[in-house]
Amino acid sequence: MCVGLLALAWALPAHAAEIPFLHDIFVSLSHAGDQMTNKMSAALVTPQIRMAMNTLFTSLALCLFVWRFAGFALRGFDLVDLLELMFSIFFVYVMLSSYTTLVQAISPAGQAVGNALGGSISGADDEQTLAESIFSLLLQLTLLTKCDGLTHCVKWIWLSFGTVMIADIAILLLGVIATVVEVWMHWCVQIAYGVGWVTIPLLMVRSLSFLFDGWLKFFLGAIFFDIIAKVTLAMVLLSFRVLTNRTPGANGATIDVHGPMDVAALFLFIFVGVIVLTATGKLANAVVAGVSGVGGVLQDVARGAAQTAGR
């Protein structure tokens, strides 16, 4: 298996012109992402999910009413407490009813920002995703083994071949990582979209509202992951365009490889690209690290509205 992988990696640059198969792969991934979005949206409006939403919301609201009136029986009636509960239930009901509309408005907005930034930075073709542009550009690099004279060839041709194989594998690795980042940024948003509604009714219970806070942090992290991922992909693509323009023959550059030093710049760019792309998730999490206490804010707003209405 390892021998086959090495042979494939060594052979790919020689067939750089045959990249339509790569475009077909990314088109299939794009169609799969669109189908995922459509199916998720359709699933959230099915009678089964609607019944589950209403059952969860109604059960929690009823339990809170029973608990609150049991407290009134023990310590006396409190209008402000009752109004606070009613406002909390109302706010949660509005959020639950507008959940799909809000998420479907926020997600495309984040994607539009990421697309605008990524396209402006990289100047990528609109018909290709950033990951496909990176993969195509990398596969158009042709690495040729070279040696100077018979004596040099006999002694050092193995080093040239080994360097080319390692470089080809590194090229494939960076292309795969770029593809995974691009696919994952779409999946994260859909995963958050599919499970978020479960946490909204829990806002009525202050001790359980941390679950909504966790979901909101994850959802915002997915939105920023999309934006940051497209920016990092664009930076990687721009870096490799600079690299190929400085090697002999832009647009499908050819690099003569006598040894590791001939591809030192390529290895450096690949290493930096891998580090940047794998750090995208940490960068997104750092942006939303301070998101917390949203459930408590809702309770405080409900109490403030109850005190105002009870005067």
Protein backbone atom coordinates (compact mmCIF):
# COMPACT_ATOMS: atom_id res chain seq x y z
CA MET A 1 0.00 0.00 0.00
CA CYS A 2 2.81 2.40 0.89
CA VAL A 3 4.57 1.60 -2.40
CA GLY A 4 1.34 2.33 -4.29
CA LEU A 5 0.90 5.65 -2.51
CA LEU A 6 4.45 6.65 -3.33
CA ALA A 7 3.97 5.69 -6.97
CA LEU A 8 0.72 7.67 -7.14
CA ALA A 9 2.30 10.71 -5.54
CA TRP A 10 5.25 10.55 -7.92
CA ALA A 11 3.01 10.18 -10.95
CA LEU A 12 0.48 12.92 -10.20
CA PRO A 13 2.52 15.96 -11.30
CA ALA A 14 3.25 14.29 -14.62
CA HIS A 15 -0.49 14.36 -15.33
CA ALA A 16 -1.13 17.91 -14.20
CA ALA A 17 -3.14 18.63 -17.33
CA GLU A 18 -5.65 15.89 -16.48
CA ILE A 19 -7.28 17.84 -13.63
CA PRO A 20 -10.93 17.60 -14.71
CA PHE A 21 -11.24 14.59 -12.39
CA LEU A 22 -10.25 16.88 -9.52
CA HIS A 23 -12.92 19.39 -10.49
CA ASP A 24 -15.51 16.59 -10.59
CA ILE A 25 -14.57 15.62 -7.03
CA PHE A 26 -15.05 19.14 -5.73
CA VAL A 27 -18.30 19.55 -7.67
CA SER A 28 -19.55 16.36 -6.00
CA LEU A 29 -18.52 17.70 -2.60
CA SER A 30 -20.33 20.96 -3.32
CA HIS A 31 -23.50 19.13 -4.38
CA ALA A 32 -23.29 16.98 -1.26
CA GLY A 33 -23.04 20.14 0.87
CA ASP A 34 -26.06 21.68 -0.86
CA GLN A 35 -28.06 18.49 -0.35
CA MET A 36 -27.04 18.45 3.31
CA THR A 37 -28.34 21.99 3.76
CA ASN A 38 -31.61 21.24 1.99
CA LYS A 39 -32.19 18.00 3.89
CA MET A 40 -31.41 19.61 7.24
CA SER A 41 -33.83 22.46 6.56
CA ALA A 42 -36.50 20.00 5.44
CA ALA A 43 -35.95 17.81 8.51
CA LEU A 44 -36.47 20.71 10.92
CA VAL A 45 -39.94 21.46 9.53
CA THR A 46 -41.21 17.87 9.54
CA PRO A 47 -44.18 17.08 11.82
CA GLN A 48 -42.01 14.77 13.93
CA ILE A 49 -39.44 17.48 14.75
CA ARG A 50 -42.17 20.09 15.26
CA MET A 51 -43.93 17.76 17.69
CA ALA A 52 -40.66 17.15 19.54
CA MET A 53 -40.03 20.92 19.77
CA ASN A 54 -43.53 21.64 21.03
CA THR A 55 -43.49 18.74 23.48
CA LEU A 56 -40.17 19.80 24.99
CA PHE A 57 -41.21 23.44 25.22
CA THR A 58 -44.69 22.71 26.62
CA SER A 59 -43.41 20.18 29.16
CA LEU A 60 -40.78 22.54 30.55
CA ALA A 61 -43.21 25.48 30.62
CA LEU A 62 -45.85 23.39 32.43
CA CYS A 63 -43.31 22.08 34.96
CA LEU A 64 -42.13 25.62 35.67
CA PHE A 65 -45.70 26.83 36.17
CA VAL A 66 -46.44 23.98 38.60
CA TRP A 67 -43.20 24.60 40.48
CA ARG A 68 -43.80 28.35 40.67
CA PHE A 69 -47.39 28.01 41.92
CA ALA A 70 -46.26 25.42 44.45
CA GLY A 71 -43.86 28.07 45.74
CA PHE A 72 -46.67 30.62 45.83
CA ALA A 73 -48.69 28.24 48.01
CA LEU A 74 -45.82 28.07 50.51
CA ARG A 75 -44.60 31.68 50.63
CA GLY A 76 -47.41 33.73 49.11
CA PHE A 77 -48.25 35.06 45.68
CA ASP A 78 -45.66 37.22 43.91
CA LEU A 79 -46.82 38.98 40.73
CA VAL A 80 -43.28 39.86 39.63
CA ASP A 81 -42.18 36.21 39.81
CA LEU A 82 -45.19 35.15 37.75
CA LEU A 83 -44.58 37.86 35.16
CA GLU A 84 -40.89 36.94 34.97
CA LEU A 85 -41.85 33.35 34.21
CA MET A 86 -44.35 34.41 31.58
CA PHE A 87 -41.87 36.75 29.88
CA SER A 88 -39.22 34.02 29.91
CA ILE A 89 -41.62 31.57 28.28
CA PHE A 90 -42.64 34.19 25.72
CA PHE A 91 -39.04 35.05 24.79
CA VAL A 92 -38.15 31.37 24.43
CA TYR A 93 -41.26 30.75 22.31
CA VAL A 94 -40.32 33.58 19.96
CA MET A 95 -36.76 32.26 19.64
CA LEU A 96 -37.96 28.72 19.01
CA SER A 97 -40.51 29.85 16.41
CA SER A 98 -37.95 31.94 14.51
CA TYR A 99 -35.06 29.49 14.93
CA THR A 100 -34.84 28.25 11.33
CA THR A 101 -35.27 31.77 9.94
CA LEU A 102 -32.56 33.24 12.14
CA VAL A 103 -30.02 30.49 11.52
CA GLN A 104 -30.67 30.47 7.78
CA ALA A 105 -30.08 34.23 7.75
CA ILE A 106 -26.91 34.22 9.86
CA SER A 107 -25.16 31.28 8.15
CA PRO A 108 -25.28 32.66 4.58
CA ALA A 109 -24.18 36.06 5.89
CA GLY A 110 -21.08 34.49 7.43
CA GLN A 111 -20.41 32.51 4.25
CA ALA A 112 -20.78 35.65 2.14
CA VAL A 113 -18.23 37.49 4.31
CA GLY A 114 -15.81 34.55 4.03
CA ASN A 115 -16.28 34.31 0.25
CA ALA A 116 -15.72 38.05 -0.18
CA LEU A 117 -12.55 38.05 1.91
CA GLY A 118 -11.19 34.84 0.40
CA GLY A 119 -11.85 35.94 -3.16
CA SER A 120 -10.37 39.39 -2.63
CA ILE A 121 -7.19 38.04 -1.04
CA SER A 122 -6.50 35.18 -3.45
CA GLY A 123 -8.12 36.36 -6.67
CA ALA A 124 -9.36 32.79 -7.14
CA ASP A 125 -11.59 31.74 -10.01
CA ASP A 126 -15.26 31.94 -9.03
CA GLU A 127 -15.86 28.55 -10.65
CA GLN A 128 -13.44 26.86 -8.25
CA THR A 129 -13.42 26.66 -4.48
CA LEU A 130 -10.30 27.79 -2.67
CA ALA A 131 -9.32 24.22 -1.80
CA GLU A 132 -9.68 23.15 -5.44
CA SER A 133 -7.58 26.11 -6.55
CA ILE A 134 -4.85 25.12 -4.07
CA PHE A 135 -4.97 21.47 -5.13
CA SER A 136 -4.89 22.35 -8.84
CA LEU A 137 -2.00 24.75 -8.39
CA LEU A 138 0.00 22.19 -6.43
CA LEU A 139 -0.60 19.43 -8.95
CA GLN A 140 0.58 21.72 -11.74
CA LEU A 141 4.02 21.86 -10.12
CA THR A 142 6.22 19.47 -12.10
CA LEU A 143 9.18 18.12 -10.15
CA LEU A 144 11.85 16.58 -12.40
CA THR A 145 14.74 14.51 -11.12
CA LYS A 146 18.06 15.78 -12.45
CA CYS A 147 21.71 14.90 -12.08
CA ASP A 148 24.94 16.40 -13.43
CA GLY A 149 27.15 13.91 -15.21
CA LEU A 150 27.42 10.15 -15.01
CA THR A 151 29.37 10.06 -11.75
CA HIS A 152 26.91 12.36 -10.00
CA CYS A 153 23.96 10.36 -11.33
CA VAL A 154 25.38 7.06 -10.08
CA LYS A 155 26.06 8.46 -6.61
CA TRP A 156 23.13 10.85 -6.03
CA ILE A 157 20.19 9.92 -8.27
CA TRP A 158 18.56 8.09 -5.34
CA LEU A 159 18.57 11.36 -3.38
CA SER A 160 16.88 13.19 -6.24
CA PHE A 161 14.20 10.51 -6.59
CA GLY A 162 13.62 10.40 -2.84
CA THR A 163 13.28 14.18 -2.62
CA VAL A 164 10.73 14.25 -5.44
CA MET A 165 8.66 11.48 -3.83
CA ILE A 166 8.65 13.21 -0.44
CA ALA A 167 7.73 16.52 -2.06
CA ASP A 168 4.87 14.92 -3.99
CA ILE A 169 3.50 13.31 -0.82
CA ALA A 170 3.77 16.67 0.97
CA ILE A 171 1.86 18.30 -1.90
CA LEU A 172 -0.90 15.69 -1.61
CA LEU A 173 -1.00 16.14 2.17
CA LEU A 174 -1.48 19.91 1.92
CA GLY A 175 -4.17 19.48 -0.73
CA VAL A 176 -6.03 16.94 1.40
CA ILE A 177 -5.82 19.16 4.50
CA ALA A 178 -7.15 22.13 2.51
CA THR A 179 -10.05 19.98 1.27
CA VAL A 180 -10.85 18.70 4.77
CA VAL A 181 -10.86 22.25 6.16
CA GLU A 182 -13.22 23.38 3.41
CA VAL A 183 -15.60 20.45 3.91
CA TRP A 184 -15.50 20.65 7.69
CA MET A 185 -16.39 24.36 7.79
CA HIS A 186 -19.65 23.51 5.99
CA TRP A 187 -20.39 20.47 8.14
CA CYS A 188 -19.88 22.40 11.40
CA VAL A 189 -22.59 24.92 10.50
CA GLN A 190 -25.03 22.15 9.55
CA ILE A 191 -24.35 20.18 12.74
CA ALA A 192 -24.97 23.31 14.82
CA TYR A 193 -28.11 24.05 12.81
CA GLY A 194 -29.49 20.55 13.34
CA VAL A 195 -29.13 20.38 17.14
CA GLY A 196 -29.52 23.98 18.28
CA TRP A 197 -33.30 23.93 18.69
CA VAL A 198 -33.02 21.37 21.51
CA THR A 199 -31.14 23.85 23.70
CA ILE A 200 -33.51 26.82 23.27
CA PRO A 201 -36.30 25.62 25.63
CA LEU A 202 -33.64 25.01 28.29
CA LEU A 203 -33.23 28.79 28.55
CA MET A 204 -36.35 28.82 30.74
CA VAL A 205 -34.38 26.96 33.44
CA ARG A 206 -31.44 29.04 34.65
CA SER A 207 -29.50 25.99 35.86
CA LEU A 208 -29.75 24.39 32.39
CA SER A 209 -29.14 27.51 30.30
CA PHE A 210 -25.42 26.69 30.10
CA LEU A 211 -26.34 24.12 27.44
CA PHE A 212 -27.67 26.90 25.22
CA ASP A 213 -24.52 28.90 25.93
CA GLY A 214 -22.44 25.93 24.78
CA TRP A 215 -24.45 25.56 21.60
CA LEU A 216 -24.27 29.29 20.85
CA LYS A 217 -20.51 29.22 21.32
CA PHE A 218 -20.28 26.24 18.96
CA PHE A 219 -22.54 27.88 16.36
CA LEU A 220 -20.66 31.18 16.40
CA GLY A 221 -17.40 29.23 16.33
CA ALA A 222 -18.63 27.45 13.19
CA ILE A 223 -19.50 30.78 11.56
CA PHE A 224 -16.09 32.24 12.37
CA PHE A 225 -14.42 28.97 11.39
CA ASP A 226 -15.97 29.42 7.94
CA ILE A 227 -14.67 32.99 7.67
CA ILE A 228 -11.20 32.27 9.09
CA ALA A 229 -10.85 29.07 7.04
CA LYS A 230 -11.52 30.93 3.80
CA VAL A 231 -9.06 33.64 4.76
CA THR A 232 -6.36 31.08 5.61
CA LEU A 233 -7.05 29.09 2.44
CA ALA A 234 -6.79 32.30 0.43
CA MET A 235 -3.48 33.17 2.12
CA VAL A 236 -2.09 29.71 1.38
CA LEU A 237 -3.23 29.97 -2.25
CA LEU A 238 -1.71 33.44 -2.60
CA SER A 239 1.57 32.22 -1.09
CA PHE A 240 1.85 29.36 -3.56
CA ARG A 241 1.06 31.64 -6.47
CA VAL A 242 3.96 33.81 -5.39
CA LEU A 243 6.14 30.70 -5.13
CA THR A 244 5.24 29.38 -8.59
CA ASN A 245 5.70 32.80 -10.18
CA ARG A 246 9.27 32.83 -8.87
CA THR A 247 10.10 29.38 -10.22
CA PRO A 248 10.86 28.68 -13.88
CA GLY A 249 7.62 28.66 -15.87
CA ALA A 250 4.58 30.08 -14.13
CA ASN A 251 1.22 28.31 -14.53
CA GLY A 252 2.51 24.79 -14.20
CA ALA A 253 6.02 25.49 -12.94
CA THR A 254 8.80 22.96 -13.50
CA ILE A 255 11.43 22.53 -10.80
CA ASP A 256 14.61 20.59 -11.51
CA VAL A 257 15.44 18.59 -8.40
CA HIS A 258 19.05 17.58 -7.80
CA GLY A 259 18.56 17.30 -4.06
CA PRO A 260 16.56 18.60 -1.07
CA MET A 261 17.86 22.16 -1.35
CA ASP A 262 16.17 22.62 -4.75
CA VAL A 263 12.74 22.26 -3.13
CA ALA A 264 13.54 23.84 0.23
CA ALA A 265 11.24 26.78 -0.50
CA LEU A 266 8.45 24.39 -1.53
CA PHE A 267 8.82 22.38 1.68
CA LEU A 268 8.80 25.60 3.71
CA PHE A 269 5.60 26.85 2.06
CA ILE A 270 3.92 23.45 2.52
CA PHE A 271 4.94 23.32 6.18
CA VAL A 272 3.62 26.82 6.84
CA GLY A 273 0.41 26.04 4.93
CA VAL A 274 -0.23 22.89 6.98
CA ILE A 275 0.39 24.73 10.26
CA VAL A 276 -1.91 27.61 9.30
CA LEU A 277 -4.75 25.36 8.11
CA THR A 278 -4.61 23.04 11.12
CA ALA A 279 -4.71 26.06 13.45
CA THR A 280 -7.94 27.38 11.93
CA GLY A 281 -10.15 25.71 14.54
CA LYS A 282 -8.12 27.15 17.41
CA LEU A 283 -8.31 30.63 15.90
CA ALA A 284 -12.10 30.37 15.57
CA ASN A 285 -12.45 29.12 19.16
CA ALA A 286 -10.29 31.98 20.40
CA VAL A 287 -12.66 34.50 18.79
CA VAL A 288 -15.74 33.11 20.59
CA ALA A 289 -14.00 32.10 23.83
CA GLY A 290 -15.76 34.83 25.80
CA VAL A 291 -19.31 33.77 24.87
CA SER A 292 -21.09 32.74 28.09
CA GLY A 293 -23.96 33.68 30.37
CA VAL A 294 -26.49 34.27 27.59
CA GLY A 295 -29.14 32.28 29.45
CA GLY A 296 -28.65 34.42 32.54
CA VAL A 297 -29.02 37.55 30.42
CA LEU A 298 -32.38 36.29 29.16
CA GLN A 299 -33.54 35.69 32.73
CA ASP A 300 -32.38 39.16 33.75
CA VAL A 301 -34.21 40.75 30.81
CA ALA A 302 -37.36 38.84 31.72
CA ARG A 303 -37.10 39.95 35.34
CA GLY A 304 -36.54 43.58 34.31
CA ALA A 305 -39.59 43.45 32.03
CA ALA A 306 -41.64 41.83 34.82
CA GLN A 307 -40.65 44.52 37.34
CA THR A 308 -41.56 47.22 34.83
CA ALA A 309 -44.93 45.63 34.05
CA GLY A 310 -45.69 44.96 37.74
CA ARG A 311 -45.38 48.56 38.85
